[in-house]
Amino acid sequence: MLVVIVLVFAICWFPLHLFFIVIDFFPEVIKLWRDHLHELPFTYTFLAIHFLAMSSSYVNPLIYSFMNQNFRVCRYNSLSLSLSLIPFSPDARYPAGWPRLVAPPGRNRIAH
Protein backbone atom coordinates (compact mmCIF):
# COMPACT_ATOMS: atom_id res chain seq x y z
CA MET A 1 0.00 0.00 0.00
CA LEU A 2 2.85 2.39 0.79
CA VAL A 3 4.31 1.86 -2.68
CA VAL A 4 0.97 2.73 -4.29
CA ILE A 5 0.63 5.91 -2.20
CA VAL A 6 4.17 7.02 -3.07
CA LEU A 7 3.63 6.29 -6.78
CA VAL A 8 0.35 8.19 -6.89
CA PHE A 9 1.98 11.11 -5.07
CA ALA A 10 4.88 11.13 -7.53
CA ILE A 11 2.59 10.90 -10.56
CA CYS A 12 0.41 13.73 -9.29
CA TRP A 13 3.20 16.12 -8.34
CA PHE A 14 5.80 15.44 -11.06
CA PRO A 15 4.13 17.50 -13.84
CA LEU A 16 3.89 20.60 -11.62
CA HIS A 17 7.55 20.36 -10.62
CA LEU A 18 8.56 19.79 -14.24
CA PHE A 19 6.50 22.83 -15.26
CA PHE A 20 8.30 25.02 -12.70
CA ILE A 21 11.71 23.64 -13.70
CA VAL A 22 11.00 24.57 -17.32
CA ILE A 23 9.89 28.05 -16.24
CA ASP A 24 13.02 28.55 -14.12
CA PHE A 25 15.66 27.11 -16.43
CA PHE A 26 14.15 27.74 -19.88
CA PRO A 27 12.26 31.04 -19.71
CA GLU A 28 12.67 31.56 -23.46
CA VAL A 29 10.49 28.50 -24.12
CA ILE A 30 7.74 29.92 -21.94
CA LYS A 31 8.10 33.33 -23.61
CA LEU A 32 7.73 31.73 -27.06
CA TRP A 33 4.77 29.72 -25.85
CA ARG A 34 3.03 32.82 -24.47
CA ASP A 35 3.82 34.92 -27.54
CA HIS A 36 2.65 32.41 -30.14
CA LEU A 37 -0.20 30.73 -28.29
CA HIS A 38 -1.37 33.71 -26.24
CA GLU A 39 -1.92 33.62 -22.49
CA LEU A 40 -5.02 31.42 -22.29
CA PRO A 41 -3.51 28.01 -23.21
CA PHE A 42 -0.63 28.71 -20.81
CA THR A 43 -3.09 29.45 -18.01
CA TYR A 44 -5.24 26.39 -18.76
CA THR A 45 -2.17 24.17 -18.85
CA PHE A 46 -1.02 25.49 -15.50
CA LEU A 47 -4.49 25.03 -13.99
CA ALA A 48 -4.72 21.44 -15.25
CA ILE A 49 -1.28 20.57 -13.92
CA HIS A 50 -2.03 22.29 -10.60
CA PHE A 51 -5.34 20.41 -10.32
CA LEU A 52 -3.50 17.13 -10.93
CA ALA A 53 -1.03 17.98 -8.16
CA MET A 54 -3.80 18.84 -5.70
CA SER A 55 -5.72 15.68 -6.60
CA SER A 56 -3.26 13.61 -4.58
CA SER A 57 -5.03 14.97 -1.48
CA TYR A 58 -8.34 13.36 -2.32
CA VAL A 59 -6.88 10.22 -3.87
CA ASN A 60 -5.14 9.18 -0.63
CA PRO A 61 -8.36 8.39 1.30
CA LEU A 62 -9.59 6.38 -1.66
CA ILE A 63 -6.39 4.33 -1.69
CA TYR A 64 -6.64 3.79 2.06
CA SER A 65 -10.28 2.72 1.83
CA PHE A 66 -9.63 0.19 -0.93
CA MET A 67 -6.36 -1.24 0.35
CA ASN A 68 -6.52 -1.13 4.16
CA GLN A 69 -8.89 -3.37 6.09
CA ASN A 70 -8.46 -1.39 9.35
CA PHE A 71 -9.37 1.86 7.61
CA ARG A 72 -12.52 0.28 6.18
CA VAL A 73 -13.55 -1.03 9.60
CA CYS A 74 -12.96 2.36 11.26
CA ARG A 75 -14.85 4.18 8.50
CA TYR A 76 -17.77 1.75 8.84
CA ASN A 77 -17.79 2.11 12.63
CA SER A 78 -17.74 5.91 12.50
CA LEU A 79 -20.52 5.93 9.92
CA SER A 80 -22.66 3.54 11.93
CA LEU A 81 -22.01 5.60 15.09
CA SER A 82 -23.08 8.81 13.39
CA LEU A 83 -26.19 7.08 12.06
CA SER A 84 -27.00 5.74 15.53
CA LEU A 85 -27.09 9.31 16.85
CA ILE A 86 -30.09 10.09 14.63
CA PRO A 87 -33.23 9.77 16.79
CA PHE A 88 -35.68 7.23 15.48
CA SER A 89 -39.34 6.72 16.29
CA PRO A 90 -40.34 3.77 18.49
CA ASP A 91 -41.27 1.53 15.58
CA ALA A 92 -37.75 2.19 14.14
CA ARG A 93 -38.97 2.49 10.57
CA TYR A 94 -39.26 6.26 10.30
CA PRO A 95 -37.03 8.95 11.77
CA ALA A 96 -38.62 10.91 14.61
CA GLY A 97 -40.80 13.74 13.38
CA TRP A 98 -41.40 12.26 9.95
CA PRO A 99 -44.98 11.54 9.01
CA ARG A 100 -45.84 7.86 8.81
CA LEU A 101 -47.91 6.53 5.97
CA VAL A 102 -51.14 5.04 7.20
CA ALA A 103 -53.12 3.43 4.42
CA PRO A 104 -56.46 2.01 5.50
CA PRO A 105 -58.14 -0.14 2.93
CA GLY A 106 -59.31 2.00 0.05
CA ARG A 107 -57.69 5.22 1.33
CA ASN A 108 -54.23 6.75 1.17
CA ARG A 109 -53.38 9.42 3.69
CA ILE A 110 -50.49 10.66 5.81
CA ALA A 111 -50.88 10.56 9.60
CA HIS A 112 -49.02 12.99 11.82
C-alpha atoms as a PDB file:
ATOM      1  CA  MET A   1       0.000   0.000   0.000  1.00  0.00           C
ATOM      2  CA  LEU A   2       2.847   2.385   0.792  1.00  0.00           C
ATOM      3  CA  VAL A   3       4.308   1.858  -2.677  1.00  0.00           C
ATOM      4  CA  VAL A   4       0.967   2.733  -4.285  1.00  0.00           C
ATOM      5  CA  ILE A   5       0.628   5.911  -2.201  1.00  0.00           C
ATOM      6  CA  VAL A   6       4.168   7.021  -3.070  1.00  0.00           C
ATOM      7  CA  LEU A   7       3.628   6.286  -6.779  1.00  0.00           C
ATOM      8  CA  VAL A   8       0.353   8.195  -6.891  1.00  0.00           C
ATOM      9  CA  PHE A   9       1.977  11.107  -5.065  1.00  0.00           C
ATOM     10  CA  ALA A  10       4.876  11.134  -7.533  1.00  0.00           C
ATOM     11  CA  ILE A  11       2.586  10.895 -10.561  1.00  0.00           C
ATOM     12  CA  CYS A  12       0.406  13.726  -9.288  1.00  0.00           C
ATOM     13  CA  TRP A  13       3.204  16.124  -8.339  1.00  0.00           C
ATOM     14  CA  PHE A  14       5.797  15.436 -11.063  1.00  0.00           C
ATOM     15  CA  PRO A  15       4.125  17.502 -13.837  1.00  0.00           C
ATOM     16  CA  LEU A  16       3.894  20.596 -11.624  1.00  0.00           C
ATOM     17  CA  HIS A  17       7.546  20.361 -10.617  1.00  0.00           C
ATOM     18  CA  LEU A  18       8.557  19.792 -14.236  1.00  0.00           C
ATOM     19  CA  PHE A  19       6.502  22.828 -15.255  1.00  0.00           C
ATOM     20  CA  PHE A  20       8.304  25.020 -12.702  1.00  0.00           C
ATOM     21  CA  ILE A  21      11.714  23.636 -13.700  1.00  0.00           C
ATOM     22  CA  VAL A  22      11.003  24.567 -17.325  1.00  0.00           C
ATOM     23  CA  ILE A  23       9.892  28.052 -16.243  1.00  0.00           C
ATOM     24  CA  ASP A  24      13.024  28.546 -14.121  1.00  0.00           C
ATOM     25  CA  PHE A  25      15.657  27.109 -16.433  1.00  0.00           C
ATOM     26  CA  PHE A  26      14.151  27.741 -19.884  1.00  0.00           C
ATOM     27  CA  PRO A  27      12.265  31.038 -19.707  1.00  0.00           C
ATOM     28  CA  GLU A  28      12.666  31.560 -23.460  1.00  0.00           C
ATOM     29  CA  VAL A  29      10.495  28.495 -24.124  1.00  0.00           C
ATOM     30  CA  ILE A  30       7.744  29.921 -21.943  1.00  0.00           C
ATOM     31  CA  LYS A  31       8.099  33.325 -23.613  1.00  0.00           C
ATOM     32  CA  LEU A  32       7.731  31.732 -27.060  1.00  0.00           C
ATOM     33  CA  TRP A  33       4.770  29.721 -25.845  1.00  0.00           C
ATOM     34  CA  ARG A  34       3.034  32.817 -24.471  1.00  0.00           C
ATOM     35  CA  ASP A  35       3.819  34.922 -27.539  1.00  0.00           C
ATOM     36  CA  HIS A  36       2.652  32.410 -30.137  1.00  0.00           C
ATOM     37  CA  LEU A  37      -0.202  30.733 -28.287  1.00  0.00           C
ATOM     38  CA  HIS A  38      -1.372  33.710 -26.244  1.00  0.00           C
ATOM     39  CA  GLU A  39      -1.924  33.625 -22.495  1.00  0.00           C
ATOM     40  CA  LEU A  40      -5.022  31.423 -22.294  1.00  0.00           C
ATOM     41  CA  PRO A  41      -3.508  28.008 -23.209  1.00  0.00           C
ATOM     42  CA  PHE A  42      -0.632  28.708 -20.813  1.00  0.00           C
ATOM     43  CA  THR A  43      -3.088  29.451 -18.014  1.00  0.00           C
ATOM     44  CA  TYR A  44      -5.241  26.394 -18.755  1.00  0.00           C
ATOM     45  CA  THR A  45      -2.170  24.166 -18.846  1.00  0.00           C
ATOM     46  CA  PHE A  46      -1.019  25.490 -15.497  1.00  0.00           C
ATOM     47  CA  LEU A  47      -4.492  25.031 -13.986  1.00  0.00           C
ATOM     48  CA  ALA A  48      -4.724  21.443 -15.248  1.00  0.00           C
ATOM     49  CA  ILE A  49      -1.279  20.573 -13.919  1.00  0.00           C
ATOM     50  CA  HIS A  50      -2.032  22.285 -10.597  1.00  0.00           C
ATOM     51  CA  PHE A  51      -5.340  20.406 -10.320  1.00  0.00           C
ATOM     52  CA  LEU A  52      -3.500  17.131 -10.925  1.00  0.00           C
ATOM     53  CA  ALA A  53      -1.031  17.978  -8.156  1.00  0.00           C
ATOM     54  CA  MET A  54      -3.800  18.837  -5.700  1.00  0.00           C
ATOM     55  CA  SER A  55      -5.716  15.685  -6.603  1.00  0.00           C
ATOM     56  CA  SER A  56      -3.262  13.614  -4.581  1.00  0.00           C
ATOM     57  CA  SER A  57      -5.028  14.967  -1.479  1.00  0.00           C
ATOM     58  CA  TYR A  58      -8.342  13.361  -2.322  1.00  0.00           C
ATOM     59  CA  VAL A  59      -6.878  10.219  -3.874  1.00  0.00           C
ATOM     60  CA  ASN A  60      -5.142   9.176  -0.634  1.00  0.00           C
ATOM     61  CA  PRO A  61      -8.361   8.392   1.302  1.00  0.00           C
ATOM     62  CA  LEU A  62      -9.592   6.376  -1.664  1.00  0.00           C
ATOM     63  CA  ILE A  63      -6.391   4.327  -1.690  1.00  0.00           C
ATOM     64  CA  TYR A  64      -6.644   3.788   2.059  1.00  0.00           C
ATOM     65  CA  SER A  65     -10.277   2.721   1.831  1.00  0.00           C
ATOM     66  CA  PHE A  66      -9.633   0.193  -0.926  1.00  0.00           C
ATOM     67  CA  MET A  67      -6.363  -1.240   0.353  1.00  0.00           C
ATOM     68  CA  ASN A  68      -6.516  -1.132   4.160  1.00  0.00           C
ATOM     69  CA  GLN A  69      -8.894  -3.367   6.094  1.00  0.00           C
ATOM     70  CA  ASN A  70      -8.460  -1.393   9.345  1.00  0.00           C
ATOM     71  CA  PHE A  71      -9.365   1.861   7.605  1.00  0.00           C
ATOM     72  CA  ARG A  72     -12.522   0.275   6.177  1.00  0.00           C
ATOM     73  CA  VAL A  73     -13.547  -1.033   9.597  1.00  0.00           C
ATOM     74  CA  CYS A  74     -12.959   2.355  11.261  1.00  0.00           C
ATOM     75  CA  ARG A  75     -14.851   4.179   8.502  1.00  0.00           C
ATOM     76  CA  TYR A  76     -17.766   1.748   8.840  1.00  0.00           C
ATOM     77  CA  ASN A  77     -17.789   2.112  12.633  1.00  0.00           C
ATOM     78  CA  SER A  78     -17.737   5.909  12.497  1.00  0.00           C
ATOM     79  CA  LEU A  79     -20.518   5.929   9.919  1.00  0.00           C
ATOM     80  CA  SER A  80     -22.662   3.540  11.935  1.00  0.00           C
ATOM     81  CA  LEU A  81     -22.006   5.599  15.093  1.00  0.00           C
ATOM     82  CA  SER A  82     -23.078   8.806  13.389  1.00  0.00           C
ATOM     83  CA  LEU A  83     -26.194   7.078  12.060  1.00  0.00           C
ATOM     84  CA  SER A  84     -26.997   5.737  15.531  1.00  0.00           C
ATOM     85  CA  LEU A  85     -27.089   9.312  16.854  1.00  0.00           C
ATOM     86  CA  ILE A  86     -30.095  10.093  14.634  1.00  0.00           C
ATOM     87  CA  PRO A  87     -33.233   9.768  16.794  1.00  0.00           C
ATOM     88  CA  PHE A  88     -35.684   7.230  15.484  1.00  0.00           C
ATOM     89  CA  SER A  89     -39.337   6.716  16.290  1.00  0.00           C
ATOM     90  CA  PRO A  90     -40.344   3.771  18.485  1.00  0.00           C
ATOM     91  CA  ASP A  91     -41.266   1.531  15.579  1.00  0.00           C
ATOM     92  CA  ALA A  92     -37.755   2.191  14.137  1.00  0.00           C
ATOM     93  CA  ARG A  93     -38.965   2.491  10.571  1.00  0.00           C
ATOM     94  CA  TYR A  94     -39.265   6.258  10.297  1.00  0.00           C
ATOM     95  CA  PRO A  95     -37.025   8.953  11.767  1.00  0.00           C
ATOM     96  CA  ALA A  96     -38.625  10.906  14.608  1.00  0.00           C
ATOM     97  CA  GLY A  97     -40.802  13.745  13.378  1.00  0.00           C
ATOM     98  CA  TRP A  98     -41.399  12.261   9.947  1.00  0.00           C
ATOM     99  CA  PRO A  99     -44.979  11.536   9.011  1.00  0.00           C
ATOM    100  CA  ARG A 100     -45.841   7.861   8.814  1.00  0.00           C
ATOM    101  CA  LEU A 101     -47.909   6.525   5.972  1.00  0.00           C
ATOM    102  CA  VAL A 102     -51.144   5.041   7.195  1.00  0.00           C
ATOM    103  CA  ALA A 103     -53.121   3.433   4.421  1.00  0.00           C
ATOM    104  CA  PRO A 104     -56.455   2.010   5.505  1.00  0.00           C
ATOM    105  CA  PRO A 105     -58.138  -0.144   2.927  1.00  0.00           C
ATOM    106  CA  GLY A 106     -59.314   2.004   0.052  1.00  0.00           C
ATOM    107  CA  ARG A 107     -57.690   5.218   1.329  1.00  0.00           C
ATOM    108  CA  ASN A 108     -54.233   6.747   1.167  1.00  0.00           C
ATOM    109  CA  ARG A 109     -53.377   9.422   3.689  1.00  0.00           C
ATOM    110  CA  ILE A 110     -50.486  10.659   5.811  1.00  0.00           C
ATOM    111  CA  ALA A 111     -50.883  10.562   9.596  1.00  0.00           C
ATOM    112  CA  HIS A 112     -49.022  12.987  11.816  1.00  0.00           C
END
